[in-house]
Amino acid sequence: AGAPTPSPPTPQPPTPVPAPTLQPPTPSPPTPPVPVPTPTLQPPTPSPPTPNNPVDLSSVTCANYGQYVNQAGIQVTTRIGKDAGKDETFLLDVLDDNTLGALVVCDGEASCSGNVDFTMTAASKAVPVAIVCCKKDACKGNIGLTVADLATPIDVNVHCSGESSCEDAVWTVAGDHKLDGYCVGETACKASRWSAPQGEANGYCSGESACEDSRWTATEGRLTMFCDSTEDTCDDAVFDPYALCSGGGASNARPGSCDAGAPTPS
């Protein structure tokens, strides 16, 4: 009975629990974008150069050839003065890629007369050709033009101006080349011969007896003839096999030469 009374336990304050430390979230490293390859810019591939167009020599005459002789791209041969190119041989071949036409000027009395050959061989580049024969007897005599068959057809123009300027001359083209003859003046192309057997041919005759006794041939192509109003302009001329004729001077061409059945120009 005499045991001591126990004291009540002294309450202990609760041990504080430390609050958790909040750490900011660690950001994930950004995913680098997948680089899109930049397209490599290539310089444009140049198109092959377009070949230079041939020059137009169809309008060259004795009156205006001076406008052409210094023009870039034309191969020019001149014989100026009496007998300047008499009995010569002219090679008209064009071998330079930058040359677009060939022009021959015979200006002067008998300037290219006698025994003369104008020749373009198959080795030539296919470019237009023009020959002008100016003044009396300029291209009279045993004159011959021969143009070989080339890769493509060309235009060949011969302009004769003056008395007997192309009398007795012979102008011939092969293949499908086109042959145009201009005969202006008394007997300018008397007894001359013009032949484009497979191609087209055109003749213009003006002056007394300008194309008398001449012969024009275009066996497979179209042949057209203009004979000025003088009745004897094309007296006894032959158009083989026939031509589409105009002008009053065509009435005395050989019978059948100006045929009503000739093809009409398109």
C-alpha atoms as a PDB file:
ATOM      1  CA  ALA A   1       0.000   0.000   0.000  1.00  0.00           C
ATOM      2  CA  GLY A   2       2.865   2.147   0.436  1.00  0.00           C
ATOM      3  CA  ALA A   3       3.904   1.930  -3.443  1.00  0.00           C
ATOM      4  CA  PRO A   4       4.437   5.289  -5.142  1.00  0.00           C
ATOM      5  CA  THR A   5       1.899   6.468  -7.621  1.00  0.00           C
ATOM      6  CA  PRO A   6       3.437   6.502 -11.136  1.00  0.00           C
ATOM      7  CA  SER A   7       3.601   9.861 -12.869  1.00  0.00           C
ATOM      8  CA  PRO A   8       1.823  10.077 -16.174  1.00  0.00           C
ATOM      9  CA  PRO A   9       4.184  10.017 -19.153  1.00  0.00           C
ATOM     10  CA  THR A  10       5.182  13.406 -20.444  1.00  0.00           C
ATOM     11  CA  PRO A  11       3.807  13.670 -23.939  1.00  0.00           C
ATOM     12  CA  GLN A  12       6.512  14.185 -26.554  1.00  0.00           C
ATOM     13  CA  PRO A  13       5.891  16.668 -29.255  1.00  0.00           C
ATOM     14  CA  PRO A  14       5.519  14.984 -32.601  1.00  0.00           C
ATOM     15  CA  THR A  15       8.633  14.860 -34.647  1.00  0.00           C
ATOM     16  CA  PRO A  16       7.996  17.113 -37.616  1.00  0.00           C
ATOM     17  CA  VAL A  17       8.145  15.335 -40.937  1.00  0.00           C
ATOM     18  CA  PRO A  18      10.030  17.526 -43.329  1.00  0.00           C
ATOM     19  CA  ALA A  19       7.890  18.661 -46.201  1.00  0.00           C
ATOM     20  CA  PRO A  20       9.074  17.174 -49.419  1.00  0.00           C
ATOM     21  CA  THR A  21      11.159  19.537 -51.486  1.00  0.00           C
ATOM     22  CA  LEU A  22       9.396  20.137 -54.773  1.00  0.00           C
ATOM     23  CA  GLN A  23      11.854  20.144 -57.615  1.00  0.00           C
ATOM     24  CA  PRO A  24      10.823  21.826 -60.827  1.00  0.00           C
ATOM     25  CA  PRO A  25      10.409  19.234 -63.526  1.00  0.00           C
ATOM     26  CA  THR A  26      13.460  18.704 -65.524  1.00  0.00           C
ATOM     27  CA  PRO A  27      12.515  19.613 -69.067  1.00  0.00           C
ATOM     28  CA  SER A  28      13.233  16.989 -71.633  1.00  0.00           C
ATOM     29  CA  PRO A  29      15.717  18.193 -74.173  1.00  0.00           C
ATOM     30  CA  PRO A  30      13.881  19.292 -77.302  1.00  0.00           C
ATOM     31  CA  THR A  31      14.005  16.838 -80.124  1.00  0.00           C
ATOM     32  CA  PRO A  32      15.993  18.535 -82.816  1.00  0.00           C
ATOM     33  CA  PRO A  33      14.002  18.846 -85.994  1.00  0.00           C
ATOM     34  CA  VAL A  34      14.999  16.508 -88.742  1.00  0.00           C
ATOM     35  CA  PRO A  35      16.667  18.779 -91.241  1.00  0.00           C
ATOM     36  CA  VAL A  36      15.025  18.823 -94.631  1.00  0.00           C
ATOM     37  CA  PRO A  37      17.754  18.853 -97.200  1.00  0.00           C
ATOM     38  CA  THR A  38      17.806  22.057 -99.180  1.00  0.00           C
ATOM     39  CA  PRO A  39      17.465  21.225-102.833  1.00  0.00           C
ATOM     40  CA  THR A  40      20.588  21.943-104.777  1.00  0.00           C
ATOM     41  CA  LEU A  41      19.802  24.507-107.424  1.00  0.00           C
ATOM     42  CA  GLN A  42      21.296  23.492-110.693  1.00  0.00           C
ATOM     43  CA  PRO A  43      21.822  26.091-113.376  1.00  0.00           C
ATOM     44  CA  PRO A  44      19.312  25.552-116.151  1.00  0.00           C
ATOM     45  CA  THR A  45      20.578  23.427-118.959  1.00  0.00           C
ATOM     46  CA  PRO A  46      20.725  25.671-121.977  1.00  0.00           C
ATOM     47  CA  SER A  47      18.763  24.522-124.956  1.00  0.00           C
ATOM     48  CA  PRO A  48      20.831  23.902-128.017  1.00  0.00           C
ATOM     49  CA  PRO A  49      21.046  27.083-130.046  1.00  0.00           C
ATOM     50  CA  THR A  50      18.517  27.449-132.798  1.00  0.00           C
ATOM     51  CA  PRO A  51      20.290  27.510-136.123  1.00  0.00           C
ATOM     52  CA  ASN A  52      20.355  30.951-137.660  1.00  0.00           C
ATOM     53  CA  ASN A  53      17.724  31.463-140.262  1.00  0.00           C
ATOM     54  CA  PRO A  54      18.987  31.905-143.793  1.00  0.00           C
ATOM     55  CA  VAL A  55      18.841  35.433-145.130  1.00  0.00           C
ATOM     56  CA  ASP A  56      16.277  36.373-147.752  1.00  0.00           C
ATOM     57  CA  LEU A  57      18.073  37.133-150.998  1.00  0.00           C
ATOM     58  CA  SER A  58      15.001  36.936-153.197  1.00  0.00           C
ATOM     59  CA  SER A  59      14.744  40.714-153.464  1.00  0.00           C
ATOM     60  CA  VAL A  60      18.333  41.500-154.437  1.00  0.00           C
ATOM     61  CA  THR A  61      18.504  43.510-157.670  1.00  0.00           C
ATOM     62  CA  CYS A  62      21.033  45.570-159.562  1.00  0.00           C
ATOM     63  CA  ALA A  63      19.459  48.651-158.002  1.00  0.00           C
ATOM     64  CA  ASN A  64      19.727  47.588-154.358  1.00  0.00           C
ATOM     65  CA  TYR A  65      22.548  45.060-153.998  1.00  0.00           C
ATOM     66  CA  GLY A  66      24.571  47.670-152.131  1.00  0.00           C
ATOM     67  CA  GLN A  67      22.289  47.099-149.140  1.00  0.00           C
ATOM     68  CA  TYR A  68      23.479  43.495-148.941  1.00  0.00           C
ATOM     69  CA  VAL A  69      27.197  43.516-149.690  1.00  0.00           C
ATOM     70  CA  ASN A  70      28.162  44.703-146.201  1.00  0.00           C
ATOM     71  CA  GLN A  71      25.483  42.784-144.338  1.00  0.00           C
ATOM     72  CA  ALA A  72      26.756  40.354-141.727  1.00  0.00           C
ATOM     73  CA  GLY A  73      26.241  36.710-142.531  1.00  0.00           C
ATOM     74  CA  ILE A  74      26.435  36.986-146.326  1.00  0.00           C
ATOM     75  CA  GLN A  75      29.321  35.627-148.348  1.00  0.00           C
ATOM     76  CA  VAL A  76      29.803  38.238-151.055  1.00  0.00           C
ATOM     77  CA  THR A  77      31.781  38.015-154.273  1.00  0.00           C
ATOM     78  CA  THR A  78      31.957  41.119-156.450  1.00  0.00           C
ATOM     79  CA  ARG A  79      33.271  41.766-159.908  1.00  0.00           C
ATOM     80  CA  ILE A  80      32.801  45.430-160.681  1.00  0.00           C
ATOM     81  CA  GLY A  81      33.788  46.954-164.000  1.00  0.00           C
ATOM     82  CA  LYS A  82      34.208  45.924-167.591  1.00  0.00           C
ATOM     83  CA  ASP A  83      35.508  42.346-167.990  1.00  0.00           C
ATOM     84  CA  ALA A  84      36.237  42.227-164.240  1.00  0.00           C
ATOM     85  CA  GLY A  85      35.343  38.544-163.908  1.00  0.00           C
ATOM     86  CA  LYS A  86      35.536  37.435-167.504  1.00  0.00           C
ATOM     87  CA  ASP A  87      36.208  33.695-168.021  1.00  0.00           C
ATOM     88  CA  GLU A  88      36.400  33.061-164.273  1.00  0.00           C
ATOM     89  CA  THR A  89      35.259  30.058-162.271  1.00  0.00           C
ATOM     90  CA  PHE A  90      33.340  30.924-159.100  1.00  0.00           C
ATOM     91  CA  LEU A  91      33.046  28.387-156.283  1.00  0.00           C
ATOM     92  CA  LEU A  92      30.015  29.363-154.218  1.00  0.00           C
ATOM     93  CA  ASP A  93      30.406  26.789-151.425  1.00  0.00           C
ATOM     94  CA  VAL A  94      29.605  28.084-147.937  1.00  0.00           C
ATOM     95  CA  LEU A  95      31.509  26.258-145.186  1.00  0.00           C
ATOM     96  CA  ASP A  96      31.218  28.723-142.287  1.00  0.00           C
ATOM     97  CA  ASP A  97      28.333  28.076-139.871  1.00  0.00           C
ATOM     98  CA  ASN A  98      27.862  31.813-139.404  1.00  0.00           C
ATOM     99  CA  THR A  99      27.329  32.453-143.096  1.00  0.00           C
ATOM    100  CA  LEU A 100      23.667  32.509-144.041  1.00  0.00           C
ATOM    101  CA  GLY A 101      23.700  33.246-147.756  1.00  0.00           C
ATOM    102  CA  ALA A 102      25.877  33.662-150.844  1.00  0.00           C
ATOM    103  CA  LEU A 103      25.726  36.687-153.153  1.00  0.00           C
ATOM    104  CA  VAL A 104      27.622  37.228-156.407  1.00  0.00           C
ATOM    105  CA  VAL A 105      27.604  40.676-158.002  1.00  0.00           C
ATOM    106  CA  CYS A 106      28.688  41.115-161.629  1.00  0.00           C
ATOM    107  CA  ASP A 107      28.291  44.818-162.359  1.00  0.00           C
ATOM    108  CA  GLY A 108      29.768  46.281-165.488  1.00  0.00           C
ATOM    109  CA  GLU A 109      29.764  45.696-169.210  1.00  0.00           C
ATOM    110  CA  ALA A 110      30.743  42.066-169.850  1.00  0.00           C
ATOM    111  CA  SER A 111      31.786  41.875-166.197  1.00  0.00           C
ATOM    112  CA  CYS A 112      31.253  38.095-165.928  1.00  0.00           C
ATOM    113  CA  SER A 113      31.013  37.206-169.600  1.00  0.00           C
ATOM    114  CA  GLY A 114      32.766  34.649-171.756  1.00  0.00           C
ATOM    115  CA  ASN A 115      33.293  31.198-170.267  1.00  0.00           C
ATOM    116  CA  VAL A 116      32.165  31.455-166.666  1.00  0.00           C
ATOM    117  CA  ASP A 117      31.093  28.779-164.188  1.00  0.00           C
ATOM    118  CA  PHE A 118      29.211  29.412-160.967  1.00  0.00           C
ATOM    119  CA  THR A 119      29.263  26.197-158.912  1.00  0.00           C
ATOM    120  CA  MET A 120      27.935  25.152-155.519  1.00  0.00           C
ATOM    121  CA  THR A 121      28.971  21.601-154.660  1.00  0.00           C
ATOM    122  CA  ALA A 122      27.440  19.067-152.289  1.00  0.00           C
ATOM    123  CA  ALA A 123      30.069  20.048-149.697  1.00  0.00           C
ATOM    124  CA  SER A 124      28.386  23.410-149.147  1.00  0.00           C
ATOM    125  CA  LYS A 125      26.084  24.402-146.356  1.00  0.00           C
ATOM    126  CA  ALA A 126      22.524  24.803-147.650  1.00  0.00           C
ATOM    127  CA  VAL A 127      22.007  28.577-147.887  1.00  0.00           C
ATOM    128  CA  PRO A 128      20.212  30.834-150.384  1.00  0.00           C
ATOM    129  CA  VAL A 129      22.144  31.994-153.431  1.00  0.00           C
ATOM    130  CA  ALA A 130      21.708  35.179-155.459  1.00  0.00           C
ATOM    131  CA  ILE A 131      23.552  36.260-158.596  1.00  0.00           C
ATOM    132  CA  VAL A 132      23.044  39.704-160.081  1.00  0.00           C
ATOM    133  CA  CYS A 133      24.230  40.501-163.599  1.00  0.00           C
ATOM    134  CA  CYS A 134      24.053  44.224-164.223  1.00  0.00           C
ATOM    135  CA  LYS A 135      24.624  46.158-167.429  1.00  0.00           C
ATOM    136  CA  LYS A 136      25.104  45.158-171.039  1.00  0.00           C
ATOM    137  CA  ASP A 137      26.469  41.641-171.641  1.00  0.00           C
ATOM    138  CA  ALA A 138      27.250  41.274-167.920  1.00  0.00           C
ATOM    139  CA  CYS A 139      26.722  37.495-167.884  1.00  0.00           C
ATOM    140  CA  LYS A 140      26.481  36.830-171.608  1.00  0.00           C
ATOM    141  CA  GLY A 141      28.081  33.856-173.257  1.00  0.00           C
ATOM    142  CA  ASN A 142      28.943  30.362-172.153  1.00  0.00           C
ATOM    143  CA  ILE A 143      27.739  30.997-168.627  1.00  0.00           C
ATOM    144  CA  GLY A 144      26.767  28.099-166.384  1.00  0.00           C
ATOM    145  CA  LEU A 145      25.357  27.827-162.882  1.00  0.00           C
ATOM    146  CA  THR A 146      25.281  24.407-161.235  1.00  0.00           C
ATOM    147  CA  VAL A 147      23.925  23.861-157.733  1.00  0.00           C
ATOM    148  CA  ALA A 148      24.284  20.322-156.388  1.00  0.00           C
ATOM    149  CA  ASP A 149      21.654  18.471-154.387  1.00  0.00           C
ATOM    150  CA  LEU A 150      22.139  19.605-150.769  1.00  0.00           C
ATOM    151  CA  ALA A 151      20.798  18.466-147.406  1.00  0.00           C
ATOM    152  CA  THR A 152      17.824  20.819-147.664  1.00  0.00           C
ATOM    153  CA  PRO A 153      16.341  22.730-150.603  1.00  0.00           C
ATOM    154  CA  ILE A 154      17.504  26.299-151.149  1.00  0.00           C
ATOM    155  CA  ASP A 155      16.348  29.323-153.113  1.00  0.00           C
ATOM    156  CA  VAL A 156      18.477  30.386-156.050  1.00  0.00           C
ATOM    157  CA  ASN A 157      17.777  33.814-157.528  1.00  0.00           C
ATOM    158  CA  VAL A 158      19.331  35.203-160.695  1.00  0.00           C
ATOM    159  CA  HIS A 159      18.701  38.839-161.600  1.00  0.00           C
ATOM    160  CA  CYS A 160      19.643  40.012-165.084  1.00  0.00           C
ATOM    161  CA  SER A 161      19.308  43.693-165.868  1.00  0.00           C
ATOM    162  CA  GLY A 162      20.561  45.318-169.028  1.00  0.00           C
ATOM    163  CA  GLU A 163      20.740  44.598-172.719  1.00  0.00           C
ATOM    164  CA  SER A 164      21.766  40.981-173.325  1.00  0.00           C
ATOM    165  CA  SER A 165      22.832  40.796-169.676  1.00  0.00           C
ATOM    166  CA  CYS A 166      22.236  37.017-169.480  1.00  0.00           C
ATOM    167  CA  GLU A 167      21.898  36.076-173.126  1.00  0.00           C
ATOM    168  CA  ASP A 168      22.804  32.411-173.825  1.00  0.00           C
ATOM    169  CA  ALA A 169      23.447  31.695-170.131  1.00  0.00           C
ATOM    170  CA  VAL A 170      22.502  28.328-168.611  1.00  0.00           C
ATOM    171  CA  TRP A 171      21.231  28.177-165.040  1.00  0.00           C
ATOM    172  CA  THR A 172      20.675  24.737-163.476  1.00  0.00           C
ATOM    173  CA  VAL A 173      19.817  23.554-159.963  1.00  0.00           C
ATOM    174  CA  ALA A 174      19.541  19.967-158.782  1.00  0.00           C
ATOM    175  CA  GLY A 175      17.321  18.359-156.175  1.00  0.00           C
ATOM    176  CA  ASP A 176      14.312  20.260-154.883  1.00  0.00           C
ATOM    177  CA  HIS A 177      15.919  23.681-155.099  1.00  0.00           C
ATOM    178  CA  LYS A 178      13.823  26.632-156.245  1.00  0.00           C
ATOM    179  CA  LEU A 179      15.075  28.686-159.195  1.00  0.00           C
ATOM    180  CA  ASP A 180      13.848  32.219-159.865  1.00  0.00           C
ATOM    181  CA  GLY A 181      14.971  34.209-162.888  1.00  0.00           C
ATOM    182  CA  TYR A 182      14.398  37.933-163.424  1.00  0.00           C
ATOM    183  CA  CYS A 183      15.124  39.238-166.908  1.00  0.00           C
ATOM    184  CA  VAL A 184      14.777  42.990-167.357  1.00  0.00           C
ATOM    185  CA  GLY A 185      15.935  44.739-170.495  1.00  0.00           C
ATOM    186  CA  GLU A 186      16.129  44.209-174.223  1.00  0.00           C
ATOM    187  CA  THR A 187      17.201  40.614-174.993  1.00  0.00           C
ATOM    188  CA  ALA A 188      18.186  40.322-171.329  1.00  0.00           C
ATOM    189  CA  CYS A 189      17.757  36.531-171.251  1.00  0.00           C
ATOM    190  CA  LYS A 190      17.457  35.729-174.923  1.00  0.00           C
ATOM    191  CA  ALA A 191      18.218  32.071-175.695  1.00  0.00           C
ATOM    192  CA  SER A 192      18.981  31.385-172.043  1.00  0.00           C
ATOM    193  CA  ARG A 193      18.225  28.081-170.290  1.00  0.00           C
ATOM    194  CA  TRP A 194      16.712  27.685-166.834  1.00  0.00           C
ATOM    195  CA  SER A 195      16.283  24.269-165.251  1.00  0.00           C
ATOM    196  CA  ALA A 196      14.952  23.065-161.899  1.00  0.00           C
ATOM    197  CA  PRO A 197      13.886  19.524-162.825  1.00  0.00           C
ATOM    198  CA  GLN A 198      12.604  18.508-159.390  1.00  0.00           C
ATOM    199  CA  GLY A 199      11.962  21.878-157.812  1.00  0.00           C
ATOM    200  CA  GLU A 200       9.919  24.991-158.489  1.00  0.00           C
ATOM    201  CA  ALA A 201      10.856  27.630-161.047  1.00  0.00           C
ATOM    202  CA  ASN A 202       9.580  31.130-161.695  1.00  0.00           C
ATOM    203  CA  GLY A 203      10.402  33.509-164.504  1.00  0.00           C
ATOM    204  CA  TYR A 204       9.860  37.246-164.864  1.00  0.00           C
ATOM    205  CA  CYS A 205      10.521  38.762-168.296  1.00  0.00           C
ATOM    206  CA  SER A 206      10.218  42.447-169.107  1.00  0.00           C
ATOM    207  CA  GLY A 207      11.578  44.216-172.142  1.00  0.00           C
ATOM    208  CA  GLU A 208      11.709  43.733-175.881  1.00  0.00           C
ATOM    209  CA  SER A 209      12.665  40.117-176.613  1.00  0.00           C
ATOM    210  CA  ALA A 210      13.744  39.782-172.984  1.00  0.00           C
ATOM    211  CA  CYS A 211      13.111  36.017-172.945  1.00  0.00           C
ATOM    212  CA  GLU A 212      12.932  35.286-176.643  1.00  0.00           C
ATOM    213  CA  ASP A 213      13.926  31.700-177.525  1.00  0.00           C
ATOM    214  CA  SER A 214      14.562  30.913-173.853  1.00  0.00           C
ATOM    215  CA  ARG A 215      13.680  27.581-172.264  1.00  0.00           C
ATOM    216  CA  TRP A 216      12.404  27.112-168.720  1.00  0.00           C
ATOM    217  CA  THR A 217      12.068  23.629-167.214  1.00  0.00           C
ATOM    218  CA  ALA A 218      10.483  22.376-164.017  1.00  0.00           C
ATOM    219  CA  THR A 219       9.586  18.772-164.801  1.00  0.00           C
ATOM    220  CA  GLU A 220       8.258  17.764-161.397  1.00  0.00           C
ATOM    221  CA  GLY A 221       7.670  21.115-159.714  1.00  0.00           C
ATOM    222  CA  ARG A 222       5.539  24.129-160.512  1.00  0.00           C
ATOM    223  CA  LEU A 223       6.553  26.542-163.241  1.00  0.00           C
ATOM    224  CA  THR A 224       5.095  30.055-163.387  1.00  0.00           C
ATOM    225  CA  MET A 225       5.972  32.682-165.980  1.00  0.00           C
ATOM    226  CA  PHE A 226       5.246  36.366-166.305  1.00  0.00           C
ATOM    227  CA  CYS A 227       5.903  37.934-169.700  1.00  0.00           C
ATOM    228  CA  ASP A 228       5.404  41.684-169.822  1.00  0.00           C
ATOM    229  CA  SER A 229       2.894  43.193-172.207  1.00  0.00           C
ATOM    230  CA  THR A 230       5.191  43.503-175.219  1.00  0.00           C
ATOM    231  CA  GLU A 231       4.167  40.684-177.548  1.00  0.00           C
ATOM    232  CA  ASP A 232       7.685  39.529-178.295  1.00  0.00           C
ATOM    233  CA  THR A 233       8.839  39.472-174.675  1.00  0.00           C
ATOM    234  CA  CYS A 234       8.652  35.671-174.628  1.00  0.00           C
ATOM    235  CA  ASP A 235       8.615  35.103-178.392  1.00  0.00           C
ATOM    236  CA  ASP A 236       9.212  31.407-179.163  1.00  0.00           C
ATOM    237  CA  ALA A 237      10.033  30.676-175.525  1.00  0.00           C
ATOM    238  CA  VAL A 238       9.495  27.098-174.324  1.00  0.00           C
ATOM    239  CA  PHE A 239       8.043  26.311-170.906  1.00  0.00           C
ATOM    240  CA  ASP A 240       8.581  22.632-170.161  1.00  0.00           C
ATOM    241  CA  PRO A 241       6.308  20.800-169.673  1.00  0.00           C
ATOM    242  CA  TYR A 242       4.034  23.835-169.341  1.00  0.00           C
ATOM    243  CA  ALA A 243       3.648  26.924-167.194  1.00  0.00           C
ATOM    244  CA  LEU A 244       0.987  28.999-165.591  1.00  0.00           C
ATOM    245  CA  CYS A 245       1.469  32.168-167.627  1.00  0.00           C
ATOM    246  CA  SER A 246       0.454  35.752-167.124  1.00  0.00           C
ATOM    247  CA  GLY A 247       1.133  38.997-168.977  1.00  0.00           C
ATOM    248  CA  GLY A 248       0.381  39.895-172.558  1.00  0.00           C
ATOM    249  CA  GLY A 249       3.851  38.965-173.750  1.00  0.00           C
ATOM    250  CA  ALA A 250       3.227  35.267-173.118  1.00  0.00           C
ATOM    251  CA  SER A 251       0.999  34.982-176.175  1.00  0.00           C
ATOM    252  CA  ASN A 252       3.876  34.241-178.531  1.00  0.00           C
ATOM    253  CA  ALA A 253       5.493  31.491-176.496  1.00  0.00           C
ATOM    254  CA  ARG A 254       5.713  28.116-178.200  1.00  0.00           C
ATOM    255  CA  PRO A 255       2.294  26.456-178.569  1.00  0.00           C
ATOM    256  CA  GLY A 256       1.380  24.429-175.503  1.00  0.00           C
ATOM    257  CA  SER A 257       3.885  26.165-173.268  1.00  0.00           C
ATOM    258  CA  CYS A 258       1.198  28.154-171.498  1.00  0.00           C
ATOM    259  CA  ASP A 259      -1.246  25.410-170.692  1.00  0.00           C
ATOM    260  CA  ALA A 260      -4.618  26.075-169.153  1.00  0.00           C
ATOM    261  CA  GLY A 261      -4.143  22.873-167.181  1.00  0.00           C
ATOM    262  CA  ALA A 262      -1.056  24.134-165.404  1.00  0.00           C
ATOM    263  CA  PRO A 263      -1.323  23.995-161.634  1.00  0.00           C
ATOM    264  CA  THR A 264      -2.606  27.127-159.991  1.00  0.00           C
ATOM    265  CA  PRO A 265      -0.188  28.615-157.452  1.00  0.00           C
ATOM    266  CA  SER A 266      -1.306  28.046-153.887  1.00  0.00           C
END
